Amino acid sequence: MAYTRDRFVFGRPPSSLQATRFALAELATETEIAQSFTDRCVGELAAGRLTDTEAAMAKWWVTERQQRLVSRCLQLHGDYGFMTEYQIAKDFDFVDTRTSTLFAGTTEIMKEIIGKSLLR
């Protein structure tokens, strides 16, 4: 977020634009929701109560949100977000976030687990 205050585009910081502030609000809210859901699932797992369906929901939702959040954050940084000589491109590695939707079951497999559980 500091980058949107410190950088200047067309003579002013991106944070002065309503669209940027809306994007930051959405990103912060989605991050908080994902963290809360993950924390609840971790608690359920520790207590031995996490179901396969809940685990699939968490894996699907959080990894897809992660991919979306990283993509939007990189866009807020303009071309710096995609050029590997800048630290921000290394911090928000899009390849790593993309692979998280594949490891331990693809998004489609997670949806299949969830969908089948709803029809039992």
PDB file of N, CA and C in Angstrom:
ATOM      1  N   MET A   1       0.816  -1.189   0.000  1.00  0.00           N
ATOM      2  CA  MET A   1       0.000   0.000   0.000  1.00  0.00           C
ATOM      3  C   MET A   1       0.861   1.256   0.000  1.00  0.00           C
ATOM      4  N   ALA A   2       1.998   1.177   0.662  1.00  0.00           N
ATOM      5  CA  ALA A   2       2.876   2.343   0.707  1.00  0.00           C
ATOM      6  C   ALA A   2       3.302   2.747  -0.693  1.00  0.00           C
ATOM      7  N   TYR A   3       3.485   1.761  -1.559  1.00  0.00           N
ATOM      8  CA  TYR A   3       3.913   2.046  -2.919  1.00  0.00           C
ATOM      9  C   TYR A   3       2.901   2.932  -3.630  1.00  0.00           C
ATOM     10  N   THR A   4       1.627   2.733  -3.378  1.00  0.00           N
ATOM     11  CA  THR A   4       0.613   3.553  -4.048  1.00  0.00           C
ATOM     12  C   THR A   4       0.595   4.984  -3.507  1.00  0.00           C
ATOM     13  N   ARG A   5       1.191   5.181  -2.332  1.00  0.00           N
ATOM     14  CA  ARG A   5       1.322   6.547  -1.788  1.00  0.00           C
ATOM     15  C   ARG A   5       2.605   7.215  -2.249  1.00  0.00           C
ATOM     16  N   ASP A   6       3.684   6.419  -2.380  1.00  0.00           N
ATOM     17  CA  ASP A   6       5.013   6.965  -2.648  1.00  0.00           C
ATOM     18  C   ASP A   6       5.316   7.162  -4.129  1.00  0.00           C
ATOM     19  N   ARG A   7       4.703   6.400  -4.979  1.00  0.00           N
ATOM     20  CA  ARG A   7       4.933   6.461  -6.418  1.00  0.00           C
ATOM     21  C   ARG A   7       4.085   7.581  -7.014  1.00  0.00           C
ATOM     22  N   PHE A   8       4.570   8.183  -8.087  1.00  0.00           N
ATOM     23  CA  PHE A   8       3.793   9.207  -8.773  1.00  0.00           C
ATOM     24  C   PHE A   8       3.538   8.791 -10.218  1.00  0.00           C
ATOM     25  N   VAL A   9       2.283   8.896 -10.618  1.00  0.00           N
ATOM     26  CA  VAL A   9       1.864   8.579 -11.974  1.00  0.00           C
ATOM     27  C   VAL A   9       1.054   9.764 -12.475  1.00  0.00           C
ATOM     28  N   PHE A  10       1.438  10.297 -13.583  1.00  0.00           N
ATOM     29  CA  PHE A  10       0.772  11.476 -14.135  1.00  0.00           C
ATOM     30  C   PHE A  10       0.731  12.610 -13.103  1.00  0.00           C
ATOM     31  N   GLY A  11       1.809  12.749 -12.352  1.00  0.00           N
ATOM     32  CA  GLY A  11       1.948  13.860 -11.430  1.00  0.00           C
ATOM     33  C   GLY A  11       1.312  13.691 -10.062  1.00  0.00           C
ATOM     34  N   ARG A  12       0.719  12.532  -9.779  1.00  0.00           N
ATOM     35  CA  ARG A  12       0.124  12.320  -8.460  1.00  0.00           C
ATOM     36  C   ARG A  12       0.207  10.840  -8.078  1.00  0.00           C
ATOM     37  N   PRO A  13       0.111  10.566  -6.786  1.00  0.00           N
ATOM     38  CA  PRO A  13       0.207   9.168  -6.353  1.00  0.00           C
ATOM     39  C   PRO A  13      -1.045   8.391  -6.729  1.00  0.00           C
ATOM     40  N   PRO A  14      -0.889   7.111  -7.079  1.00  0.00           N
ATOM     41  CA  PRO A  14      -2.060   6.291  -7.416  1.00  0.00           C
ATOM     42  C   PRO A  14      -3.091   6.250  -6.274  1.00  0.00           C
ATOM     43  N   SER A  15      -2.647   6.367  -5.028  1.00  0.00           N
ATOM     44  CA  SER A  15      -3.582   6.327  -3.900  1.00  0.00           C
ATOM     45  C   SER A  15      -4.535   7.513  -3.877  1.00  0.00           C
ATOM     46  N   SER A  16      -4.247   8.546  -4.671  1.00  0.00           N
ATOM     47  CA  SER A  16      -5.166   9.684  -4.738  1.00  0.00           C
ATOM     48  C   SER A  16      -6.368   9.382  -5.638  1.00  0.00           C
ATOM     49  N   LEU A  17      -6.312   8.271  -6.355  1.00  0.00           N
ATOM     50  CA  LEU A  17      -7.404   7.890  -7.252  1.00  0.00           C
ATOM     51  C   LEU A  17      -8.407   6.996  -6.525  1.00  0.00           C
ATOM     52  N   GLN A  18      -9.669   7.282  -6.701  1.00  0.00           N
ATOM     53  CA  GLN A  18     -10.715   6.495  -6.051  1.00  0.00           C
ATOM     54  C   GLN A  18     -10.637   5.029  -6.457  1.00  0.00           C
ATOM     55  N   ALA A  19     -10.360   4.754  -7.703  1.00  0.00           N
ATOM     56  CA  ALA A  19     -10.286   3.363  -8.177  1.00  0.00           C
ATOM     57  C   ALA A  19      -9.198   2.595  -7.431  1.00  0.00           C
ATOM     58  N   THR A  20      -8.080   3.234  -7.159  1.00  0.00           N
ATOM     59  CA  THR A  20      -7.000   2.585  -6.409  1.00  0.00           C
ATOM     60  C   THR A  20      -7.434   2.323  -4.975  1.00  0.00           C
ATOM     61  N   ARG A  21      -8.075   3.296  -4.358  1.00  0.00           N
ATOM     62  CA  ARG A  21      -8.544   3.107  -2.968  1.00  0.00           C
ATOM     63  C   ARG A  21      -9.591   2.000  -2.906  1.00  0.00           C
ATOM     64  N   PHE A  22     -10.475   1.921  -3.885  1.00  0.00           N
ATOM     65  CA  PHE A  22     -11.461   0.838  -3.929  1.00  0.00           C
ATOM     66  C   PHE A  22     -10.757  -0.510  -4.065  1.00  0.00           C
ATOM     67  N   ALA A  23      -9.759  -0.584  -4.950  1.00  0.00           N
ATOM     68  CA  ALA A  23      -9.011  -1.833  -5.138  1.00  0.00           C
ATOM     69  C   ALA A  23      -8.322  -2.241  -3.838  1.00  0.00           C
ATOM     70  N   LEU A  24      -7.707  -1.290  -3.147  1.00  0.00           N
ATOM     71  CA  LEU A  24      -7.046  -1.591  -1.880  1.00  0.00           C
ATOM     72  C   LEU A  24      -8.053  -2.061  -0.830  1.00  0.00           C
ATOM     73  N   ALA A  25      -9.225  -1.447  -0.805  1.00  0.00           N
ATOM     74  CA  ALA A  25     -10.268  -1.859   0.145  1.00  0.00           C
ATOM     75  C   ALA A  25     -10.714  -3.293  -0.136  1.00  0.00           C
ATOM     76  N   GLU A  26     -10.893  -3.620  -1.405  1.00  0.00           N
ATOM     77  CA  GLU A  26     -11.289  -4.977  -1.776  1.00  0.00           C
ATOM     78  C   GLU A  26     -10.203  -5.983  -1.405  1.00  0.00           C
ATOM     79  N   LEU A  27      -8.958  -5.646  -1.692  1.00  0.00           N
ATOM     80  CA  LEU A  27      -7.843  -6.541  -1.388  1.00  0.00           C
ATOM     81  C   LEU A  27      -7.724  -6.780   0.116  1.00  0.00           C
ATOM     82  N   ALA A  28      -7.840  -5.732   0.894  1.00  0.00           N
ATOM     83  CA  ALA A  28      -7.740  -5.867   2.354  1.00  0.00           C
ATOM     84  C   ALA A  28      -8.881  -6.714   2.907  1.00  0.00           C
ATOM     85  N   THR A  29     -10.079  -6.502   2.392  1.00  0.00           N
ATOM     86  CA  THR A  29     -11.241  -7.260   2.858  1.00  0.00           C
ATOM     87  C   THR A  29     -11.127  -8.729   2.482  1.00  0.00           C
ATOM     88  N   GLU A  30     -10.765  -9.011   1.235  1.00  0.00           N
ATOM     89  CA  GLU A  30     -10.624 -10.395   0.799  1.00  0.00           C
ATOM     90  C   GLU A  30      -9.515 -11.117   1.564  1.00  0.00           C
ATOM     91  N   THR A  31      -8.444 -10.404   1.863  1.00  0.00           N
ATOM     92  CA  THR A  31      -7.355 -11.000   2.640  1.00  0.00           C
ATOM     93  C   THR A  31      -7.823 -11.341   4.046  1.00  0.00           C
ATOM     94  N   GLU A  32      -8.558 -10.454   4.660  1.00  0.00           N
ATOM     95  CA  GLU A  32      -9.077 -10.692   6.009  1.00  0.00           C
ATOM     96  C   GLU A  32     -10.031 -11.879   6.039  1.00  0.00           C
ATOM     97  N   ILE A  33     -10.903 -11.976   5.068  1.00  0.00           N
ATOM     98  CA  ILE A  33     -11.850 -13.096   4.996  1.00  0.00           C
ATOM     99  C   ILE A  33     -11.100 -14.414   4.813  1.00  0.00           C
ATOM    100  N   ALA A  34     -10.134 -14.436   3.902  1.00  0.00           N
ATOM    101  CA  ALA A  34      -9.355 -15.653   3.666  1.00  0.00           C
ATOM    102  C   ALA A  34      -8.595 -16.059   4.927  1.00  0.00           C
ATOM    103  N   GLN A  35      -8.022 -15.080   5.627  1.00  0.00           N
ATOM    104  CA  GLN A  35      -7.276 -15.387   6.852  1.00  0.00           C
ATOM    105  C   GLN A  35      -8.201 -15.932   7.931  1.00  0.00           C
ATOM    106  N   SER A  36      -9.361 -15.338   8.087  1.00  0.00           N
ATOM    107  CA  SER A  36     -10.320 -15.806   9.093  1.00  0.00           C
ATOM    108  C   SER A  36     -10.789 -17.234   8.795  1.00  0.00           C
ATOM    109  N   PHE A  37     -11.081 -17.503   7.540  1.00  0.00           N
ATOM    110  CA  PHE A  37     -11.515 -18.843   7.133  1.00  0.00           C
ATOM    111  C   PHE A  37     -10.400 -19.860   7.374  1.00  0.00           C
ATOM    112  N   THR A  38      -9.179 -19.490   6.996  1.00  0.00           N
ATOM    113  CA  THR A  38      -8.033 -20.378   7.210  1.00  0.00           C
ATOM    114  C   THR A  38      -7.825 -20.641   8.695  1.00  0.00           C
ATOM    115  N   ASP A  39      -7.890 -19.601   9.509  1.00  0.00           N
ATOM    116  CA  ASP A  39      -7.716 -19.765  10.958  1.00  0.00           C
ATOM    117  C   ASP A  39      -8.771 -20.705  11.535  1.00  0.00           C
ATOM    118  N   ARG A  40     -10.014 -20.563  11.082  1.00  0.00           N
ATOM    119  CA  ARG A  40     -11.083 -21.444  11.568  1.00  0.00           C
ATOM    120  C   ARG A  40     -10.803 -22.883  11.173  1.00  0.00           C
ATOM    121  N   CYS A  41     -10.380 -23.102   9.940  1.00  0.00           N
ATOM    122  CA  CYS A  41     -10.081 -24.458   9.475  1.00  0.00           C
ATOM    123  C   CYS A  41      -8.895 -25.057  10.224  1.00  0.00           C
ATOM    124  N   VAL A  42      -7.896 -24.265  10.516  1.00  0.00           N
ATOM    125  CA  VAL A  42      -6.749 -24.758  11.280  1.00  0.00           C
ATOM    126  C   VAL A  42      -7.204 -25.183  12.675  1.00  0.00           C
ATOM    127  N   GLY A  43      -8.071 -24.400  13.291  1.00  0.00           N
ATOM    128  CA  GLY A  43      -8.619 -24.760  14.596  1.00  0.00           C
ATOM    129  C   GLY A  43      -9.405 -26.052  14.549  1.00  0.00           C
ATOM    130  N   GLU A  44     -10.215 -26.214  13.504  1.00  0.00           N
ATOM    131  CA  GLU A  44     -10.986 -27.442  13.327  1.00  0.00           C
ATOM    132  C   GLU A  44     -10.065 -28.644  13.094  1.00  0.00           C
ATOM    133  N   LEU A  45      -9.009 -28.436  12.325  1.00  0.00           N
ATOM    134  CA  LEU A  45      -8.050 -29.515  12.078  1.00  0.00           C
ATOM    135  C   LEU A  45      -7.368 -29.929  13.383  1.00  0.00           C
ATOM    136  N   ALA A  46      -6.938 -28.947  14.159  1.00  0.00           N
ATOM    137  CA  ALA A  46      -6.269 -29.240  15.429  1.00  0.00           C
ATOM    138  C   ALA A  46      -7.185 -29.994  16.380  1.00  0.00           C
ATOM    139  N   ALA A  47      -8.481 -29.719  16.300  1.00  0.00           N
ATOM    140  CA  ALA A  47      -9.456 -30.387  17.169  1.00  0.00           C
ATOM    141  C   ALA A  47      -9.932 -31.714  16.574  1.00  0.00           C
ATOM    142  N   GLY A  48      -9.440 -32.056  15.379  1.00  0.00           N
ATOM    143  CA  GLY A  48      -9.838 -33.302  14.739  1.00  0.00           C
ATOM    144  C   GLY A  48     -11.224 -33.269  14.126  1.00  0.00           C
ATOM    145  N   ARG A  49     -11.738 -32.075  13.822  1.00  0.00           N
ATOM    146  CA  ARG A  49     -13.097 -31.938  13.300  1.00  0.00           C
ATOM    147  C   ARG A  49     -13.172 -31.413  11.866  1.00  0.00           C
ATOM    148  N   LEU A  50     -12.049 -31.159  11.233  1.00  0.00           N
ATOM    149  CA  LEU A  50     -12.071 -30.617   9.868  1.00  0.00           C
ATOM    150  C   LEU A  50     -12.493 -31.709   8.898  1.00  0.00           C
ATOM    151  N   THR A  51     -13.546 -31.438   8.147  1.00  0.00           N
ATOM    152  CA  THR A  51     -14.019 -32.418   7.166  1.00  0.00           C
ATOM    153  C   THR A  51     -13.275 -32.236   5.841  1.00  0.00           C
ATOM    154  N   ASP A  52     -13.364 -33.273   5.003  1.00  0.00           N
ATOM    155  CA  ASP A  52     -12.770 -33.177   3.667  1.00  0.00           C
ATOM    156  C   ASP A  52     -13.393 -32.030   2.883  1.00  0.00           C
ATOM    157  N   THR A  53     -14.675 -31.834   3.052  1.00  0.00           N
ATOM    158  CA  THR A  53     -15.378 -30.769   2.337  1.00  0.00           C
ATOM    159  C   THR A  53     -14.880 -29.400   2.772  1.00  0.00           C
ATOM    160  N   GLU A  54     -14.745 -29.190   4.078  1.00  0.00           N
ATOM    161  CA  GLU A  54     -14.242 -27.904   4.573  1.00  0.00           C
ATOM    162  C   GLU A  54     -12.809 -27.664   4.104  1.00  0.00           C
ATOM    163  N   ALA A  55     -11.996 -28.713   4.121  1.00  0.00           N
ATOM    164  CA  ALA A  55     -10.612 -28.578   3.649  1.00  0.00           C
ATOM    165  C   ALA A  55     -10.590 -28.214   2.163  1.00  0.00           C
ATOM    166  N   ALA A  56     -11.445 -28.853   1.376  1.00  0.00           N
ATOM    167  CA  ALA A  56     -11.520 -28.548  -0.057  1.00  0.00           C
ATOM    168  C   ALA A  56     -11.996 -27.116  -0.277  1.00  0.00           C
ATOM    169  N   MET A  57     -12.978 -26.675   0.511  1.00  0.00           N
ATOM    170  CA  MET A  57     -13.454 -25.291   0.391  1.00  0.00           C
ATOM    171  C   MET A  57     -12.335 -24.306   0.685  1.00  0.00           C
ATOM    172  N   ALA A  58     -11.600 -24.567   1.749  1.00  0.00           N
ATOM    173  CA  ALA A  58     -10.510 -23.667   2.123  1.00  0.00           C
ATOM    174  C   ALA A  58      -9.432 -23.649   1.050  1.00  0.00           C
ATOM    175  N   LYS A  59      -9.040 -24.822   0.591  1.00  0.00           N
ATOM    176  CA  LYS A  59      -7.979 -24.902  -0.427  1.00  0.00           C
ATOM    177  C   LYS A  59      -8.401 -24.190  -1.699  1.00  0.00           C
ATOM    178  N   TRP A  60      -9.631 -24.445  -2.147  1.00  0.00           N
ATOM    179  CA  TRP A  60     -10.118 -23.802  -3.364  1.00  0.00           C
ATOM    180  C   TRP A  60     -10.203 -22.290  -3.194  1.00  0.00           C
ATOM    181  N   TRP A  61     -10.893 -21.849  -2.164  1.00  0.00           N
ATOM    182  CA  TRP A  61     -11.148 -20.419  -2.002  1.00  0.00           C
ATOM    183  C   TRP A  61      -9.868 -19.628  -1.794  1.00  0.00           C
ATOM    184  N   VAL A  62      -9.030 -20.099  -0.887  1.00  0.00           N
ATOM    185  CA  VAL A  62      -7.836 -19.335  -0.527  1.00  0.00           C
ATOM    186  C   VAL A  62      -6.835 -19.277  -1.680  1.00  0.00           C
ATOM    187  N   THR A  63      -6.624 -20.386  -2.389  1.00  0.00           N
ATOM    188  CA  THR A  63      -5.648 -20.350  -3.481  1.00  0.00           C
ATOM    189  C   THR A  63      -6.149 -19.516  -4.663  1.00  0.00           C
ATOM    190  N   GLU A  64      -7.440 -19.569  -4.932  1.00  0.00           N
ATOM    191  CA  GLU A  64      -7.979 -18.732  -6.010  1.00  0.00           C
ATOM    192  C   GLU A  64      -7.937 -17.251  -5.626  1.00  0.00           C
ATOM    193  N   ARG A  65      -8.249 -16.938  -4.369  1.00  0.00           N
ATOM    194  CA  ARG A  65      -8.163 -15.553  -3.905  1.00  0.00           C
ATOM    195  C   ARG A  65      -6.723 -15.072  -3.952  1.00  0.00           C
ATOM    196  N   GLN A  66      -5.793 -15.940  -3.536  1.00  0.00           N
ATOM    197  CA  GLN A  66      -4.380 -15.574  -3.566  1.00  0.00           C
ATOM    198  C   GLN A  66      -3.966 -15.182  -4.976  1.00  0.00           C
ATOM    199  N   GLN A  67      -4.358 -15.976  -5.939  1.00  0.00           N
ATOM    200  CA  GLN A  67      -3.998 -15.686  -7.324  1.00  0.00           C
ATOM    201  C   GLN A  67      -4.592 -14.349  -7.764  1.00  0.00           C
ATOM    202  N   ARG A  68      -5.828 -14.114  -7.422  1.00  0.00           N
ATOM    203  CA  ARG A  68      -6.480 -12.851  -7.791  1.00  0.00           C
ATOM    204  C   ARG A  68      -5.832 -11.659  -7.085  1.00  0.00           C
ATOM    205  N   LEU A  69      -5.550 -11.822  -5.794  1.00  0.00           N
ATOM    206  CA  LEU A  69      -4.946 -10.737  -5.027  1.00  0.00           C
ATOM    207  C   LEU A  69      -3.571 -10.369  -5.562  1.00  0.00           C
ATOM    208  N   VAL A  70      -2.750 -11.363  -5.841  1.00  0.00           N
ATOM    209  CA  VAL A  70      -1.407 -11.094  -6.360  1.00  0.00           C
ATOM    210  C   VAL A  70      -1.495 -10.406  -7.717  1.00  0.00           C
ATOM    211  N   SER A  71      -2.387 -10.860  -8.560  1.00  0.00           N
ATOM    212  CA  SER A  71      -2.552 -10.235  -9.869  1.00  0.00           C
ATOM    213  C   SER A  71      -2.933  -8.761  -9.733  1.00  0.00           C
ATOM    214  N   ARG A  72      -3.864  -8.481  -8.847  1.00  0.00           N
ATOM    215  CA  ARG A  72      -4.298  -7.086  -8.666  1.00  0.00           C
ATOM    216  C   ARG A  72      -3.208  -6.236  -8.035  1.00  0.00           C
ATOM    217  N   CYS A  73      -2.475  -6.809  -7.088  1.00  0.00           N
ATOM    218  CA  CYS A  73      -1.369  -6.059  -6.473  1.00  0.00           C
ATOM    219  C   CYS A  73      -0.301  -5.714  -7.508  1.00  0.00           C
ATOM    220  N   LEU A  74       0.020  -6.673  -8.353  1.00  0.00           N
ATOM    221  CA  LEU A  74       1.010  -6.417  -9.395  1.00  0.00           C
ATOM    222  C   LEU A  74       0.532  -5.323 -10.342  1.00  0.00           C
ATOM    223  N   GLN A  75      -0.750  -5.312 -10.657  1.00  0.00           N
ATOM    224  CA  GLN A  75      -1.287  -4.270 -11.531  1.00  0.00           C
ATOM    225  C   GLN A  75      -1.163  -2.896 -10.885  1.00  0.00           C
ATOM    226  N   LEU A  76      -1.338  -2.823  -9.584  1.00  0.00           N
ATOM    227  CA  LEU A  76      -1.207  -1.536  -8.902  1.00  0.00           C
ATOM    228  C   LEU A  76       0.217  -0.995  -8.982  1.00  0.00           C
ATOM    229  N   HIS A  77       1.166  -1.881  -9.194  1.00  0.00           N
ATOM    230  CA  HIS A  77       2.561  -1.463  -9.303  1.00  0.00           C
ATOM    231  C   HIS A  77       2.981  -1.179 -10.744  1.00  0.00           C
ATOM    232  N   GLY A  78       2.042  -1.285 -11.661  1.00  0.00           N
ATOM    233  CA  GLY A  78       2.360  -1.003 -13.056  1.00  0.00           C
ATOM    234  C   GLY A  78       3.397  -1.972 -13.587  1.00  0.00           C
ATOM    235  N   ASP A  79       4.234  -1.501 -14.492  1.00  0.00           N
ATOM    236  CA  ASP A  79       5.214  -2.401 -15.100  1.00  0.00           C
ATOM    237  C   ASP A  79       6.254  -2.899 -14.101  1.00  0.00           C
ATOM    238  N   TYR A  80       6.465  -2.199 -12.990  1.00  0.00           N
ATOM    239  CA  TYR A  80       7.408  -2.677 -11.969  1.00  0.00           C
ATOM    240  C   TYR A  80       6.963  -4.021 -11.391  1.00  0.00           C
ATOM    241  N   GLY A  81       5.673  -4.274 -11.381  1.00  0.00           N
ATOM    242  CA  GLY A  81       5.168  -5.509 -10.818  1.00  0.00           C
ATOM    243  C   GLY A  81       5.507  -6.745 -11.636  1.00  0.00           C
ATOM    244  N   PHE A  82       5.921  -6.543 -12.875  1.00  0.00           N
ATOM    245  CA  PHE A  82       6.179  -7.675 -13.761  1.00  0.00           C
ATOM    246  C   PHE A  82       7.637  -7.792 -14.199  1.00  0.00           C
ATOM    247  N   MET A  83       8.453  -6.802 -13.865  1.00  0.00           N
ATOM    248  CA  MET A  83       9.854  -6.818 -14.281  1.00  0.00           C
ATOM    249  C   MET A  83      10.701  -7.389 -13.142  1.00  0.00           C
ATOM    250  N   THR A  84      11.363  -8.494 -13.414  1.00  0.00           N
ATOM    251  CA  THR A  84      12.052  -9.247 -12.365  1.00  0.00           C
ATOM    252  C   THR A  84      13.224  -8.501 -11.726  1.00  0.00           C
ATOM    253  N   GLU A  85      13.672  -7.421 -12.322  1.00  0.00           N
ATOM    254  CA  GLU A  85      14.750  -6.659 -11.684  1.00  0.00           C
ATOM    255  C   GLU A  85      14.245  -5.797 -10.507  1.00  0.00           C
ATOM    256  N   TYR A  86      12.930  -5.711 -10.343  1.00  0.00           N
ATOM    257  CA  TYR A  86      12.357  -4.972  -9.220  1.00  0.00           C
ATOM    258  C   TYR A  86      11.902  -5.939  -8.132  1.00  0.00           C
ATOM    259  N   GLN A  87      12.091  -5.547  -6.898  1.00  0.00           N
ATOM    260  CA  GLN A  87      11.787  -6.410  -5.756  1.00  0.00           C
ATOM    261  C   GLN A  87      10.311  -6.805  -5.699  1.00  0.00           C
ATOM    262  N   ILE A  88       9.424  -5.918  -6.089  1.00  0.00           N
ATOM    263  CA  ILE A  88       7.991  -6.218  -5.997  1.00  0.00           C
ATOM    264  C   ILE A  88       7.625  -7.433  -6.852  1.00  0.00           C
ATOM    265  N   ALA A  89       8.257  -7.587  -8.003  1.00  0.00           N
ATOM    266  CA  ALA A  89       7.982  -8.748  -8.853  1.00  0.00           C
ATOM    267  C   ALA A  89       8.445 -10.028  -8.176  1.00  0.00           C
ATOM    268  N   LYS A  90       9.502  -9.929  -7.392  1.00  0.00           N
ATOM    269  CA  LYS A  90       9.993 -11.095  -6.651  1.00  0.00           C
ATOM    270  C   LYS A  90       9.106 -11.383  -5.439  1.00  0.00           C
ATOM    271  N   ASP A  91       8.639 -10.337  -4.776  1.00  0.00           N
ATOM    272  CA  ASP A  91       7.791 -10.505  -3.592  1.00  0.00           C
ATOM    273  C   ASP A  91       6.440 -11.110  -3.949  1.00  0.00           C
ATOM    274  N   PHE A  92       5.866 -10.696  -5.056  1.00  0.00           N
ATOM    275  CA  PHE A  92       4.575 -11.197  -5.506  1.00  0.00           C
ATOM    276  C   PHE A  92       4.779 -12.062  -6.738  1.00  0.00           C
ATOM    277  N   ASP A  93       5.377 -13.218  -6.561  1.00  0.00           N
ATOM    278  CA  ASP A  93       5.704 -14.103  -7.672  1.00  0.00           C
ATOM    279  C   ASP A  93       4.432 -14.763  -8.194  1.00  0.00           C
ATOM    280  N   PHE A  94       4.015 -14.358  -9.374  1.00  0.00           N
ATOM    281  CA  PHE A  94       2.770 -14.860  -9.945  1.00  0.00           C
ATOM    282  C   PHE A  94       2.839 -16.355 -10.229  1.00  0.00           C
ATOM    283  N   VAL A  95       4.008 -16.855 -10.625  1.00  0.00           N
ATOM    284  CA  VAL A  95       4.153 -18.281 -10.915  1.00  0.00           C
ATOM    285  C   VAL A  95       3.890 -19.104  -9.658  1.00  0.00           C
ATOM    286  N   ASP A  96       4.426 -18.672  -8.517  1.00  0.00           N
ATOM    287  CA  ASP A  96       4.191 -19.392  -7.265  1.00  0.00           C
ATOM    288  C   ASP A  96       2.715 -19.424  -6.905  1.00  0.00           C
ATOM    289  N   THR A  97       2.025 -18.307  -7.104  1.00  0.00           N
ATOM    290  CA  THR A  97       0.602 -18.286  -6.751  1.00  0.00           C
ATOM    291  C   THR A  97      -0.214 -19.142  -7.702  1.00  0.00           C
ATOM    292  N   ARG A  98       0.197 -19.207  -8.940  1.00  0.00           N
ATOM    293  CA  ARG A  98      -0.534 -20.041  -9.900  1.00  0.00           C
ATOM    294  C   ARG A  98      -0.391 -21.511  -9.549  1.00  0.00           C
ATOM    295  N   THR A  99       0.799 -21.925  -9.168  1.00  0.00           N
ATOM    296  CA  THR A  99       1.004 -23.342  -8.850  1.00  0.00           C
ATOM    297  C   THR A  99       0.272 -23.747  -7.579  1.00  0.00           C
ATOM    298  N   SER A 100      -0.017 -22.813  -6.697  1.00  0.00           N
ATOM    299  CA  SER A 100      -0.734 -23.169  -5.459  1.00  0.00           C
ATOM    300  C   SER A 100      -2.149 -23.667  -5.757  1.00  0.00           C
ATOM    301  N   THR A 101      -2.699 -23.299  -6.909  1.00  0.00           N
ATOM    302  CA  THR A 101      -4.028 -23.798  -7.284  1.00  0.00           C
ATOM    303  C   THR A 101      -3.961 -25.215  -7.843  1.00  0.00           C
ATOM    304  N   LEU A 102      -2.751 -25.712  -8.060  1.00  0.00           N
ATOM    305  CA  LEU A 102      -2.572 -27.042  -8.646  1.00  0.00           C
ATOM    306  C   LEU A 102      -2.128 -28.091  -7.630  1.00  0.00           C
ATOM    307  N   PHE A 103      -1.231 -27.713  -6.720  1.00  0.00           N
ATOM    308  CA  PHE A 103      -0.707 -28.663  -5.743  1.00  0.00           C
ATOM    309  C   PHE A 103      -1.806 -29.176  -4.825  1.00  0.00           C
ATOM    310  N   ALA A 104      -1.704 -30.446  -4.465  1.00  0.00           N
ATOM    311  CA  ALA A 104      -2.653 -31.105  -3.539  1.00  0.00           C
ATOM    312  C   ALA A 104      -4.076 -31.089  -4.074  1.00  0.00           C
ATOM    313  N   GLY A 105      -4.217 -31.038  -5.379  1.00  0.00           N
ATOM    314  CA  GLY A 105      -5.537 -31.073  -5.997  1.00  0.00           C
ATOM    315  C   GLY A 105      -5.893 -29.755  -6.649  1.00  0.00           C
ATOM    316  N   THR A 106      -6.295 -29.824  -7.886  1.00  0.00           N
ATOM    317  CA  THR A 106      -6.646 -28.610  -8.623  1.00  0.00           C
ATOM    318  C   THR A 106      -7.944 -28.009  -8.093  1.00  0.00           C
ATOM    319  N   THR A 107      -8.198 -26.810  -8.489  1.00  0.00           N
ATOM    320  CA  THR A 107      -9.438 -26.134  -8.117  1.00  0.00           C
ATOM    321  C   THR A 107     -10.650 -26.971  -8.538  1.00  0.00           C
ATOM    322  N   GLU A 108     -10.588 -27.550  -9.723  1.00  0.00           N
ATOM    323  CA  GLU A 108     -11.710 -28.357 -10.209  1.00  0.00           C
ATOM    324  C   GLU A 108     -11.932 -29.591  -9.329  1.00  0.00           C
ATOM    325  N   ILE A 109     -10.866 -30.221  -8.869  1.00  0.00           N
ATOM    326  CA  ILE A 109     -10.990 -31.371  -7.970  1.00  0.00           C
ATOM    327  C   ILE A 109     -11.610 -30.932  -6.646  1.00  0.00           C
ATOM    328  N   MET A 110     -11.191 -29.778  -6.129  1.00  0.00           N
ATOM    329  CA  MET A 110     -11.767 -29.276  -4.873  1.00  0.00           C
ATOM    330  C   MET A 110     -13.266 -29.027  -5.045  1.00  0.00           C
ATOM    331  N   LYS A 111     -13.651 -28.467  -6.173  1.00  0.00           N
ATOM    332  CA  LYS A 111     -15.072 -28.227  -6.438  1.00  0.00           C
ATOM    333  C   LYS A 111     -15.836 -29.541  -6.561  1.00  0.00           C
ATOM    334  N   GLU A 112     -15.208 -30.553  -7.133  1.00  0.00           N
ATOM    335  CA  GLU A 112     -15.843 -31.867  -7.243  1.00  0.00           C
ATOM    336  C   GLU A 112     -16.084 -32.464  -5.856  1.00  0.00           C
ATOM    337  N   ILE A 113     -15.115 -32.353  -4.972  1.00  0.00           N
ATOM    338  CA  ILE A 113     -15.264 -32.845  -3.593  1.00  0.00           C
ATOM    339  C   ILE A 113     -16.421 -32.121  -2.900  1.00  0.00           C
ATOM    340  N   ILE A 114     -16.445 -30.815  -3.051  1.00  0.00           N
ATOM    341  CA  ILE A 114     -17.502 -30.011  -2.428  1.00  0.00           C
ATOM    342  C   ILE A 114     -18.868 -30.366  -3.017  1.00  0.00           C
ATOM    343  N   GLY A 115     -18.935 -30.411  -4.350  1.00  0.00           N
ATOM    344  CA  GLY A 115     -20.202 -30.698  -5.021  1.00  0.00           C
ATOM    345  C   GLY A 115     -20.769 -32.059  -4.638  1.00  0.00           C
ATOM    346  N   LYS A 116     -19.931 -33.072  -4.601  1.00  0.00           N
ATOM    347  CA  LYS A 116     -20.394 -34.410  -4.204  1.00  0.00           C
ATOM    348  C   LYS A 116     -20.913 -34.417  -2.780  1.00  0.00           C
ATOM    349  N   SER A 117     -20.254 -33.673  -1.893  1.00  0.00           N
ATOM    350  CA  SER A 117     -20.689 -33.658  -0.498  1.00  0.00           C
ATOM    351  C   SER A 117     -22.058 -32.994  -0.344  1.00  0.00           C
ATOM    352  N   LEU A 118     -22.372 -32.073  -1.216  1.00  0.00           N
ATOM    353  CA  LEU A 118     -23.662 -31.383  -1.154  1.00  0.00           C
ATOM    354  C   LEU A 118     -24.816 -32.274  -1.622  1.00  0.00           C
ATOM    355  N   LEU A 119     -24.493 -33.294  -2.383  1.00  0.00           N
ATOM    356  CA  LEU A 119     -25.528 -34.178  -2.933  1.00  0.00           C
ATOM    357  C   LEU A 119     -25.723 -35.453  -2.116  1.00  0.00           C
ATOM    358  N   ARG A 120     -24.983 -35.590  -1.013  1.00  0.00           N
ATOM    359  CA  ARG A 120     -25.144 -36.783  -0.171  1.00  0.00           C
ATOM    360  C   ARG A 120     -26.410 -36.730   0.616  1.00  0.00           C
TER     361      ARG A 120
END
